[in-house]
Amino acid sequence: MEKYSQFRDRGSGIAPFLPIPTQSSGIYLPFHLFLLLIRLPILFTVTLSYFLVLQWLPIGSLGKKASLWLILGAPGVWWIDLQIDGVKKGSLAKHHKERLPQPGSIIACSYTSPLDSLYLAAIFDPVFTASYPSTRLVHRISLFYAMLRAFQYPRLDPPRNAKLTDLQSLIQQYPGQAVVVYPECTTTNGRGILPFSPSLLTAPPEAKIFPISLRYTAGDITTPVPGTYISFVWNLLSKPTHCIRVRIAESVYNTSQSPATRNSTSLIEREMLYEDRGSSSDTLLSSEDADNMNVAEKRVLHKVAEALARLGRVKRVGLGVKDKDEFVKAWTKQRR
């Protein structure tokens, strides 16, 4: 992998875009093939049933969550290792609501796999968004597209027909749900935290922002390289079980909003304010938007990024979406 050394972080040597190698099946290959053949039709059936039928029926939030847990259970995602900052194991009931995302709060989650969105939907039933380095606005997307986006090529800019909005408007539009933001904008292998999109800076100052880190055992079900559908399905379905390591940090508030932004009730007014501050944010270390950010804005993003790095036991890296785009081109060219 030395040919991709230019895509390692200069400070830490971390390569966040390289796929994690899959351990050889060896003598267990027949057993792994058996698991794949048994699980594939089950997963296909329950997934199609939900996305084509059940999600459109009035089965309520509990019914949808139960259906999503069936999708998670089909490939053997049974073990969830959950820890919450400031809460001892077994004492969650004593510190319940204020420690977990609730309607009106924002989830800033690491982004490594299609399972990220599936798990968050099964637990919190949130609204999903897509963030981009070039704008502070977000694109509201469905659960299915949030999962599919983990296989797609990185994007510096939103699609032309995308209806962009800000987090404050989304919270007002969906008061009964939390909002999920993937501030890294693209998937990694889980070994580093990429520089953030400035989209979190549009959160209202009273909304809680919960950094959530999701890591997987084994780690080869991450999808840092786009288009890896077949290898993902094999790695997911051929192993007996998978474990999700979930870590939730204490909430952070957006203390950076100016009085003008806070008092703006019109989305158009807020968009003009955001555009005036700049919109390019390829990296928190050196970008046009980083220069346009004030100290308070940089501090908010720093707190969330540091929390995600601490929860995932990884480091922040200086490689961003533009670097991943170049990596994917090099990776694709090498394998032709």
Protein backbone atom coordinates (compact mmCIF):
# COMPACT_ATOMS: atom_id res chain seq x y z
CA MET A 1 0.00 0.00 0.00
CA GLU A 2 3.03 2.29 -0.16
CA LYS A 3 1.81 3.49 -3.56
CA TYR A 4 -0.92 5.37 -1.67
CA SER A 5 1.43 6.96 0.84
CA GLN A 6 0.42 10.44 -0.33
CA PHE A 7 -3.03 9.72 1.09
CA ARG A 8 -1.72 9.22 4.60
CA ASP A 9 -2.07 12.02 7.12
CA ARG A 10 1.28 13.77 7.42
CA GLY A 11 1.14 14.16 11.18
CA SER A 12 -0.10 10.73 12.24
CA GLY A 13 0.53 8.48 9.24
CA ILE A 14 -3.12 7.37 9.30
CA ALA A 15 -4.64 6.30 5.97
CA PRO A 16 -8.41 6.84 6.46
CA PHE A 17 -9.45 5.80 2.94
CA LEU A 18 -7.76 2.40 2.56
CA PRO A 19 -10.19 -0.52 2.94
CA ILE A 20 -9.58 -2.76 5.93
CA PRO A 21 -8.37 -6.20 4.76
CA THR A 22 -10.69 -9.14 5.26
CA GLN A 23 -9.29 -12.09 7.19
CA SER A 24 -9.00 -15.20 5.05
CA SER A 25 -11.70 -17.81 5.63
CA GLY A 26 -9.24 -20.71 5.34
CA ILE A 27 -10.81 -24.01 6.32
CA TYR A 28 -14.00 -22.20 7.37
CA LEU A 29 -14.81 -21.17 3.79
CA PRO A 30 -17.62 -23.76 3.38
CA PHE A 31 -19.23 -22.54 6.61
CA HIS A 32 -18.98 -18.91 5.51
CA LEU A 33 -20.51 -19.79 2.15
CA PHE A 34 -23.33 -21.59 3.94
CA LEU A 35 -24.05 -18.51 6.07
CA LEU A 36 -24.05 -16.31 2.97
CA LEU A 37 -26.48 -18.54 1.09
CA ILE A 38 -28.84 -18.79 4.06
CA ARG A 39 -28.82 -15.14 5.00
CA LEU A 40 -28.86 -13.49 1.59
CA PRO A 41 -32.50 -14.33 0.69
CA ILE A 42 -33.62 -13.46 4.23
CA LEU A 43 -31.88 -10.09 4.18
CA PHE A 44 -33.16 -9.40 0.66
CA THR A 45 -36.74 -10.20 1.67
CA VAL A 46 -36.86 -8.18 4.89
CA THR A 47 -35.08 -5.21 3.29
CA LEU A 48 -37.43 -5.07 0.30
CA SER A 49 -40.45 -5.56 2.55
CA TYR A 50 -39.51 -2.57 4.64
CA PHE A 51 -38.43 -0.10 1.97
CA LEU A 52 -41.18 -1.00 -0.53
CA VAL A 53 -44.11 -1.63 1.82
CA LEU A 54 -43.71 -1.27 5.59
CA GLN A 55 -42.20 2.21 5.73
CA TRP A 56 -45.25 3.59 3.91
CA LEU A 57 -47.78 1.93 6.23
CA PRO A 58 -49.11 3.54 9.44
CA ILE A 59 -47.28 1.10 11.71
CA GLY A 60 -45.88 3.82 13.97
CA SER A 61 -42.35 4.46 15.13
CA LEU A 62 -42.15 1.22 17.14
CA GLY A 63 -43.25 -0.85 14.16
CA LYS A 64 -40.64 0.75 11.93
CA LYS A 65 -37.92 0.29 14.52
CA ALA A 66 -38.83 -3.39 14.94
CA SER A 67 -38.63 -3.87 11.17
CA LEU A 68 -35.22 -2.20 11.04
CA TRP A 69 -33.95 -4.44 13.84
CA LEU A 70 -34.98 -7.43 11.72
CA ILE A 71 -32.81 -6.07 8.91
CA LEU A 72 -29.91 -5.66 11.34
CA GLY A 73 -30.45 -9.11 12.83
CA ALA A 74 -30.54 -10.96 9.51
CA PRO A 75 -26.76 -10.63 8.90
CA GLY A 76 -25.94 -11.28 12.57
CA VAL A 77 -25.62 -7.73 13.93
CA TRP A 78 -26.73 -8.80 17.42
CA TRP A 79 -24.18 -7.34 19.83
CA ILE A 80 -24.32 -3.66 20.75
CA ASP A 81 -21.66 -2.31 23.11
CA LEU A 82 -23.17 0.98 24.32
CA GLN A 83 -21.43 3.51 26.54
CA ILE A 84 -22.54 7.06 27.32
CA ASP A 85 -20.29 9.77 28.73
CA GLY A 86 -20.96 10.32 32.41
CA VAL A 87 -23.18 7.24 32.79
CA LYS A 88 -21.98 4.04 34.43
CA LYS A 89 -22.95 0.74 32.88
CA GLY A 90 -26.29 -0.45 34.19
CA SER A 91 -27.35 2.97 35.45
CA LEU A 92 -28.75 4.46 32.24
CA ALA A 93 -32.29 4.50 33.64
CA LYS A 94 -31.18 6.98 36.29
CA HIS A 95 -29.73 9.41 33.74
CA HIS A 96 -32.10 8.84 30.85
CA LYS A 97 -33.37 11.64 28.65
CA GLU A 98 -30.76 14.35 29.05
CA ARG A 99 -27.94 11.95 28.09
CA LEU A 100 -29.51 10.67 24.86
CA PRO A 101 -30.61 12.38 21.63
CA GLN A 102 -34.23 13.48 21.79
CA PRO A 103 -36.58 15.18 19.30
CA GLY A 104 -35.16 18.59 18.49
CA SER A 105 -31.54 17.52 19.02
CA ILE A 106 -28.79 16.91 16.46
CA ILE A 107 -26.71 13.75 16.07
CA ALA A 108 -23.19 14.36 14.71
CA CYS A 109 -22.13 10.84 13.77
CA SER A 110 -19.00 9.24 12.40
CA TYR A 111 -19.46 7.88 8.89
CA THR A 112 -17.97 4.53 7.95
CA SER A 113 -20.67 2.12 6.75
CA PRO A 114 -24.27 1.80 5.49
CA LEU A 115 -25.01 0.25 8.87
CA ASP A 116 -24.48 3.66 10.52
CA SER A 117 -27.76 4.99 9.16
CA LEU A 118 -29.60 1.71 9.69
CA TYR A 119 -28.63 1.54 13.35
CA LEU A 120 -29.46 5.20 14.03
CA ALA A 121 -32.86 4.74 12.36
CA ALA A 122 -33.58 1.65 14.45
CA ILE A 123 -32.78 3.50 17.68
CA PHE A 124 -33.77 7.14 17.19
CA ASP A 125 -36.02 7.28 14.07
CA PRO A 126 -34.31 10.53 12.97
CA VAL A 127 -34.25 12.76 9.90
CA PHE A 128 -31.12 12.16 7.79
CA THR A 129 -29.11 14.81 6.01
CA ALA A 130 -26.16 15.02 3.63
CA SER A 131 -23.45 17.62 4.23
CA TYR A 132 -20.96 19.03 1.74
CA PRO A 133 -17.65 20.89 2.19
CA SER A 134 -18.79 23.74 -0.07
CA THR A 135 -21.85 24.92 1.86
CA ARG A 136 -23.23 25.35 5.36
CA LEU A 137 -26.62 24.11 4.21
CA VAL A 138 -27.66 20.45 4.25
CA HIS A 139 -29.66 18.22 1.95
CA ARG A 140 -32.45 16.22 3.61
CA ILE A 141 -32.30 12.61 2.43
CA SER A 142 -34.16 9.37 3.10
CA LEU A 143 -32.84 6.45 5.14
CA PHE A 144 -32.38 4.39 1.97
CA TYR A 145 -30.34 7.13 0.29
CA ALA A 146 -28.32 7.67 3.47
CA MET A 147 -27.34 3.99 3.33
CA LEU A 148 -26.71 4.08 -0.42
CA ARG A 149 -24.58 7.20 -0.07
CA ALA A 150 -22.00 5.18 1.90
CA PHE A 151 -21.20 3.40 -1.40
CA GLN A 152 -21.08 6.52 -3.57
CA TYR A 153 -18.25 8.68 -4.77
CA PRO A 154 -17.39 11.68 -2.59
CA ARG A 155 -18.99 14.97 -3.57
CA LEU A 156 -17.56 18.43 -2.99
CA ASP A 157 -20.82 20.11 -3.97
CA PRO A 158 -24.49 19.14 -3.63
CA PRO A 159 -26.43 17.96 -6.71
CA ARG A 160 -27.89 20.74 -8.81
CA ASN A 161 -31.50 19.73 -8.07
CA ALA A 162 -30.92 19.28 -4.33
CA LYS A 163 -33.21 21.29 -2.07
CA LEU A 164 -30.87 22.70 0.55
CA THR A 165 -31.88 23.93 3.95
CA ASP A 166 -30.28 24.59 7.32
CA LEU A 167 -30.49 22.62 10.54
CA GLN A 168 -32.57 25.25 12.29
CA SER A 169 -35.27 24.96 9.61
CA LEU A 170 -35.19 21.14 9.73
CA ILE A 171 -35.69 21.11 13.49
CA GLN A 172 -38.64 23.46 13.10
CA GLN A 173 -40.07 21.34 10.27
CA TYR A 174 -39.66 18.02 12.13
CA PRO A 175 -40.10 18.87 15.83
CA GLY A 176 -40.79 15.25 16.76
CA GLN A 177 -37.50 13.85 15.45
CA ALA A 178 -33.77 14.23 15.91
CA VAL A 179 -31.63 15.24 12.93
CA VAL A 180 -28.57 13.23 11.83
CA VAL A 181 -25.55 15.01 10.37
CA TYR A 182 -22.47 13.27 8.97
CA PRO A 183 -20.07 16.23 9.24
CA GLU A 184 -17.17 14.37 7.59
CA CYS A 185 -19.25 14.36 4.35
CA THR A 186 -17.89 11.00 3.17
CA THR A 187 -17.08 7.56 4.55
CA THR A 188 -13.77 6.44 6.01
CA ASN A 189 -12.40 3.16 7.37
CA GLY A 190 -12.96 4.41 10.92
CA ARG A 191 -9.29 5.02 11.68
CA GLY A 192 -9.42 8.81 11.63
CA ILE A 193 -11.79 11.77 11.80
CA LEU A 194 -11.87 13.92 8.67
CA PRO A 195 -12.22 17.72 8.70
CA PHE A 196 -15.80 18.85 9.15
CA SER A 197 -18.30 20.51 6.90
CA PRO A 198 -19.51 23.80 8.40
CA SER A 199 -23.12 22.54 8.34
CA LEU A 200 -23.21 22.11 12.13
CA LEU A 201 -22.83 25.87 12.47
CA THR A 202 -26.44 26.30 11.29
CA ALA A 203 -27.78 24.50 14.36
CA PRO A 204 -29.90 26.70 16.63
CA PRO A 205 -28.07 27.66 19.83
CA GLU A 206 -30.60 25.88 22.07
CA ALA A 207 -30.33 22.52 20.23
CA LYS A 208 -28.17 19.81 21.76
CA ILE A 209 -25.52 18.35 19.45
CA PHE A 210 -24.63 14.76 20.40
CA PRO A 211 -21.36 13.37 18.97
CA ILE A 212 -21.86 9.63 18.36
CA SER A 213 -19.11 7.22 17.31
CA LEU A 214 -19.99 3.89 15.70
CA ARG A 215 -17.29 1.26 15.21
CA TYR A 216 -17.61 -2.33 14.02
CA THR A 217 -16.06 -5.67 14.82
CA ALA A 218 -14.89 -6.86 12.38
CA GLY A 219 -13.89 -3.58 10.75
CA ASP A 220 -14.07 -4.86 7.17
CA ILE A 221 -17.77 -3.94 6.89
CA THR A 222 -16.74 -0.31 6.53
CA THR A 223 -16.97 1.14 3.02
CA PRO A 224 -14.26 3.79 2.51
CA VAL A 225 -14.02 2.92 -1.20
CA PRO A 226 -17.14 3.58 -3.31
CA GLY A 227 -18.90 0.83 -5.23
CA THR A 228 -17.79 -2.05 -2.99
CA TYR A 229 -21.22 -3.68 -2.88
CA ILE A 230 -20.10 -7.28 -3.40
CA SER A 231 -17.28 -7.25 -0.85
CA PHE A 232 -19.56 -5.53 1.68
CA VAL A 233 -22.28 -8.17 1.27
CA TRP A 234 -19.71 -10.98 1.59
CA ASN A 235 -18.09 -9.51 4.69
CA LEU A 236 -21.47 -8.78 6.26
CA LEU A 237 -23.22 -12.10 5.61
CA SER A 238 -20.39 -14.64 5.80
CA LYS A 239 -19.43 -14.04 9.43
CA PRO A 240 -21.42 -15.52 12.35
CA THR A 241 -21.89 -12.24 14.24
CA HIS A 242 -20.98 -8.57 14.22
CA CYS A 243 -20.64 -6.11 17.09
CA ILE A 244 -21.35 -2.37 16.99
CA ARG A 245 -19.40 -0.28 19.48
CA VAL A 246 -21.56 2.77 20.23
CA ARG A 247 -20.19 5.73 22.16
CA ILE A 248 -22.26 8.85 22.92
CA ALA A 249 -20.60 12.00 24.20
CA GLU A 250 -22.07 14.76 26.30
CA SER A 251 -24.02 17.28 24.28
CA VAL A 252 -22.42 20.34 22.71
CA TYR A 253 -24.17 23.61 21.91
CA ASN A 254 -23.66 25.90 18.96
CA THR A 255 -22.50 29.01 20.76
CA SER A 256 -21.25 30.64 17.55
CA GLN A 257 -24.42 32.02 16.01
CA SER A 258 -24.48 35.79 15.71
CA PRO A 259 -27.53 37.75 16.94
CA ALA A 260 -28.48 38.41 13.30
CA THR A 261 -28.59 34.69 12.50
CA ARG A 262 -30.44 33.81 15.70
CA ASN A 263 -33.11 36.41 15.06
CA SER A 264 -33.60 35.54 11.37
CA THR A 265 -36.88 33.69 10.92
CA SER A 266 -36.55 33.38 7.14
CA LEU A 267 -34.44 30.64 5.59
CA ILE A 268 -33.51 33.02 2.75
CA GLU A 269 -32.16 35.55 5.25
CA ARG A 270 -30.07 32.88 6.97
CA GLU A 271 -28.76 31.59 3.62
CA MET A 272 -27.53 35.10 2.78
CA LEU A 273 -25.78 35.33 6.14
CA TYR A 274 -24.11 31.95 5.64
CA GLU A 275 -22.97 32.83 2.13
CA ASP A 276 -21.47 36.10 3.37
CA ARG A 277 -19.24 34.11 5.75
CA GLY A 278 -17.87 31.84 3.03
CA SER A 279 -18.72 28.30 2.07
CA SER A 280 -15.58 26.28 1.29
CA SER A 281 -14.47 23.90 4.04
CA ASP A 282 -12.27 21.16 2.65
CA THR A 283 -10.21 21.03 5.83
CA LEU A 284 -10.28 22.66 9.21
CA LEU A 285 -6.55 23.16 8.99
CA SER A 286 -6.25 25.29 5.86
CA SER A 287 -9.31 26.33 3.86
CA GLU A 288 -11.02 29.46 2.73
CA ASP A 289 -13.92 28.85 5.07
CA ALA A 290 -11.59 28.22 8.00
CA ASP A 291 -10.22 31.69 7.37
CA ASN A 292 -13.76 33.08 7.25
CA MET A 293 -14.84 31.34 10.45
CA ASN A 294 -14.68 33.30 13.63
CA VAL A 295 -13.11 31.91 16.77
CA ALA A 296 -16.45 30.80 18.23
CA GLU A 297 -17.35 28.82 15.09
CA LYS A 298 -13.99 27.07 15.01
CA ARG A 299 -14.40 26.23 18.69
CA VAL A 300 -17.78 24.54 18.14
CA LEU A 301 -16.47 22.32 15.32
CA HIS A 302 -13.33 21.59 17.32
CA LYS A 303 -15.37 20.37 20.31
CA VAL A 304 -17.46 18.00 18.21
CA ALA A 305 -14.49 16.69 16.23
CA GLU A 306 -12.42 16.13 19.37
CA ALA A 307 -15.33 14.31 20.99
CA LEU A 308 -15.69 11.97 18.00
CA ALA A 309 -11.96 11.29 17.95
CA ARG A 310 -11.93 10.55 21.68
CA LEU A 311 -14.98 8.29 21.48
CA GLY A 312 -13.55 6.33 18.56
CA ARG A 313 -10.05 6.23 20.06
CA VAL A 314 -8.65 7.68 16.85
CA LYS A 315 -7.00 10.92 15.75
CA ARG A 316 -8.17 13.79 13.62
CA VAL A 317 -6.53 13.93 10.20
CA GLY A 318 -5.97 16.72 7.70
CA LEU A 319 -7.21 14.76 4.68
CA GLY A 320 -10.62 15.86 3.43
CA VAL A 321 -13.21 15.13 0.76
CA LYS A 322 -11.01 16.48 -2.05
CA ASP A 323 -8.20 14.13 -0.96
CA LYS A 324 -10.57 11.17 -0.96
CA ASP A 325 -11.73 12.08 -4.47
CA GLU A 326 -8.11 11.96 -5.63
CA PHE A 327 -7.54 8.70 -3.74
CA VAL A 328 -10.55 7.05 -5.38
CA LYS A 329 -9.27 8.04 -8.83
CA ALA A 330 -5.86 6.55 -8.05
CA TRP A 331 -7.41 3.41 -6.53
CA THR A 332 -9.72 2.88 -9.51
CA LYS A 333 -6.91 3.43 -12.01
CA GLN A 334 -4.67 0.92 -10.21
CA ARG A 335 -7.31 -1.81 -10.40
CA ARG A 336 -8.19 -1.50 -14.05
